[in-house]
Amino acid sequence: MPASPCSTRSSCRARPRSCWAGSRRRPALLEARDAVSELLRDAGVEELELLELPDTAPVIVGEIPAPDGAPTVLLYGHYDVVPVGDEEK
């Protein structure tokens, strides 16, 4: 299995830090979508689909095909992006 893309703090710190679905912040939200997609590809997800739905954050669907006869496993999560607070704390 490949090394974790966030195995060092600096590699994760380079990721987008603040965004939400408002149209003013849409570019930051798309940057977060791209970062999550990259993490999934780096983890071995080859079948990746990005869905754009109205009035919501982009949806990312990925699949790793299993060998014949293997059970299906579903993992569900979200990438949570919020405004940055006081960075001095």
C-alpha atoms as a PDB file:
ATOM      1  CA  MET A   1       0.000   0.000   0.000  1.00  0.00           C
ATOM      2  CA  PRO A   2       1.335   3.504  -0.800  1.00  0.00           C
ATOM      3  CA  ALA A   3       2.516   5.721   2.044  1.00  0.00           C
ATOM      4  CA  SER A   4      -0.100   8.054   3.467  1.00  0.00           C
ATOM      5  CA  PRO A   5      -0.132  11.382   1.587  1.00  0.00           C
ATOM      6  CA  CYS A   6      -0.552  13.073   4.967  1.00  0.00           C
ATOM      7  CA  SER A   7       2.310  11.245   6.659  1.00  0.00           C
ATOM      8  CA  THR A   8       3.878  14.603   7.430  1.00  0.00           C
ATOM      9  CA  ARG A   9       2.093  17.635   8.784  1.00  0.00           C
ATOM     10  CA  SER A  10       3.501  19.855   6.047  1.00  0.00           C
ATOM     11  CA  SER A  11       1.934  17.748   3.276  1.00  0.00           C
ATOM     12  CA  CYS A  12      -1.538  18.203   4.771  1.00  0.00           C
ATOM     13  CA  ARG A  13      -1.005  21.838   5.626  1.00  0.00           C
ATOM     14  CA  ALA A  14      -0.595  22.561   1.919  1.00  0.00           C
ATOM     15  CA  ARG A  15      -4.197  21.487   1.351  1.00  0.00           C
ATOM     16  CA  PRO A  16      -7.028  24.035   1.169  1.00  0.00           C
ATOM     17  CA  ARG A  17      -7.906  25.239   4.644  1.00  0.00           C
ATOM     18  CA  SER A  18     -11.091  27.233   4.335  1.00  0.00           C
ATOM     19  CA  CYS A  19     -14.142  27.200   2.105  1.00  0.00           C
ATOM     20  CA  TRP A  20     -17.871  26.647   2.034  1.00  0.00           C
ATOM     21  CA  ALA A  21     -20.574  26.325  -0.622  1.00  0.00           C
ATOM     22  CA  GLY A  22     -21.304  30.043  -1.034  1.00  0.00           C
ATOM     23  CA  SER A  23     -20.678  31.260  -4.593  1.00  0.00           C
ATOM     24  CA  ARG A  24     -18.014  33.660  -3.323  1.00  0.00           C
ATOM     25  CA  ARG A  25     -16.021  30.691  -2.001  1.00  0.00           C
ATOM     26  CA  ARG A  26     -16.733  28.264  -4.845  1.00  0.00           C
ATOM     27  CA  PRO A  27     -13.112  28.305  -6.117  1.00  0.00           C
ATOM     28  CA  ALA A  28     -11.834  27.211  -2.684  1.00  0.00           C
ATOM     29  CA  LEU A  29     -14.457  24.459  -2.539  1.00  0.00           C
ATOM     30  CA  LEU A  30     -13.357  23.169  -5.945  1.00  0.00           C
ATOM     31  CA  GLU A  31      -9.744  23.260  -4.756  1.00  0.00           C
ATOM     32  CA  ALA A  32     -10.750  21.094  -1.783  1.00  0.00           C
ATOM     33  CA  ARG A  33     -12.549  18.679  -4.146  1.00  0.00           C
ATOM     34  CA  ASP A  34      -9.403  18.391  -6.250  1.00  0.00           C
ATOM     35  CA  ALA A  35      -7.228  17.787  -3.166  1.00  0.00           C
ATOM     36  CA  VAL A  36      -9.526  15.007  -1.910  1.00  0.00           C
ATOM     37  CA  SER A  37      -9.614  13.457  -5.384  1.00  0.00           C
ATOM     38  CA  GLU A  38      -5.814  13.463  -5.457  1.00  0.00           C
ATOM     39  CA  LEU A  39      -5.659  11.784  -2.049  1.00  0.00           C
ATOM     40  CA  LEU A  40      -8.030   9.063  -3.255  1.00  0.00           C
ATOM     41  CA  ARG A  41      -6.033   8.473  -6.447  1.00  0.00           C
ATOM     42  CA  ASP A  42      -2.814   8.313  -4.423  1.00  0.00           C
ATOM     43  CA  ALA A  43      -4.484   5.707  -2.193  1.00  0.00           C
ATOM     44  CA  GLY A  44      -5.208   3.496  -5.199  1.00  0.00           C
ATOM     45  CA  VAL A  45      -8.736   4.497  -6.209  1.00  0.00           C
ATOM     46  CA  GLU A  46      -8.632   4.179  -9.989  1.00  0.00           C
ATOM     47  CA  GLU A  47     -12.328   4.578 -10.810  1.00  0.00           C
ATOM     48  CA  LEU A  48     -13.168   8.098  -9.654  1.00  0.00           C
ATOM     49  CA  GLU A  49     -16.169  10.210 -10.646  1.00  0.00           C
ATOM     50  CA  LEU A  50     -16.763  13.860  -9.757  1.00  0.00           C
ATOM     51  CA  LEU A  51     -20.439  14.869  -9.673  1.00  0.00           C
ATOM     52  CA  GLU A  52     -21.597  18.480  -9.844  1.00  0.00           C
ATOM     53  CA  LEU A  53     -25.070  18.914  -8.355  1.00  0.00           C
ATOM     54  CA  PRO A  54     -26.928  22.240  -8.004  1.00  0.00           C
ATOM     55  CA  ASP A  55     -26.651  24.141  -4.709  1.00  0.00           C
ATOM     56  CA  THR A  56     -24.289  21.703  -3.004  1.00  0.00           C
ATOM     57  CA  ALA A  57     -20.660  20.812  -2.681  1.00  0.00           C
ATOM     58  CA  PRO A  58     -19.186  18.570  -5.377  1.00  0.00           C
ATOM     59  CA  VAL A  59     -19.650  14.843  -4.811  1.00  0.00           C
ATOM     60  CA  ILE A  60     -16.748  12.425  -5.235  1.00  0.00           C
ATOM     61  CA  VAL A  61     -17.480   8.753  -5.949  1.00  0.00           C
ATOM     62  CA  GLY A  62     -14.679   6.226  -6.100  1.00  0.00           C
ATOM     63  CA  GLU A  63     -14.494   2.490  -6.569  1.00  0.00           C
ATOM     64  CA  ILE A  64     -11.789  -0.112  -6.179  1.00  0.00           C
ATOM     65  CA  PRO A  65     -12.958  -3.242  -7.982  1.00  0.00           C
ATOM     66  CA  ALA A  66     -12.700  -6.375  -5.843  1.00  0.00           C
ATOM     67  CA  PRO A  67     -11.846  -9.876  -6.977  1.00  0.00           C
ATOM     68  CA  ASP A  68     -14.756 -12.078  -8.049  1.00  0.00           C
ATOM     69  CA  GLY A  69     -16.644 -13.423  -5.043  1.00  0.00           C
ATOM     70  CA  ALA A  70     -15.281 -10.846  -2.596  1.00  0.00           C
ATOM     71  CA  PRO A  71     -17.813  -9.056  -0.381  1.00  0.00           C
ATOM     72  CA  THR A  72     -18.862  -5.491  -1.123  1.00  0.00           C
ATOM     73  CA  VAL A  73     -17.653  -2.874   1.346  1.00  0.00           C
ATOM     74  CA  LEU A  74     -19.078   0.636   1.381  1.00  0.00           C
ATOM     75  CA  LEU A  75     -17.185   3.513   2.972  1.00  0.00           C
ATOM     76  CA  TYR A  76     -19.000   6.817   3.263  1.00  0.00           C
ATOM     77  CA  GLY A  77     -17.554  10.085   4.444  1.00  0.00           C
ATOM     78  CA  HIS A  78     -17.436  13.781   3.755  1.00  0.00           C
ATOM     79  CA  TYR A  79     -14.768  16.387   3.380  1.00  0.00           C
ATOM     80  CA  ASP A  80     -15.599  19.098   5.840  1.00  0.00           C
ATOM     81  CA  VAL A  81     -14.462  22.594   5.027  1.00  0.00           C
ATOM     82  CA  VAL A  82     -15.114  25.544   7.321  1.00  0.00           C
ATOM     83  CA  PRO A  83     -13.905  29.119   7.638  1.00  0.00           C
ATOM     84  CA  VAL A  84     -10.533  29.495   9.305  1.00  0.00           C
ATOM     85  CA  GLY A  85     -10.638  30.720  12.877  1.00  0.00           C
ATOM     86  CA  ASP A  86      -7.905  32.593  14.688  1.00  0.00           C
ATOM     87  CA  GLU A  87      -4.728  30.971  13.397  1.00  0.00           C
ATOM     88  CA  GLU A  88      -2.755  32.293  16.391  1.00  0.00           C
ATOM     89  CA  LYS A  89      -4.502  29.869  18.769  1.00  0.00           C
END
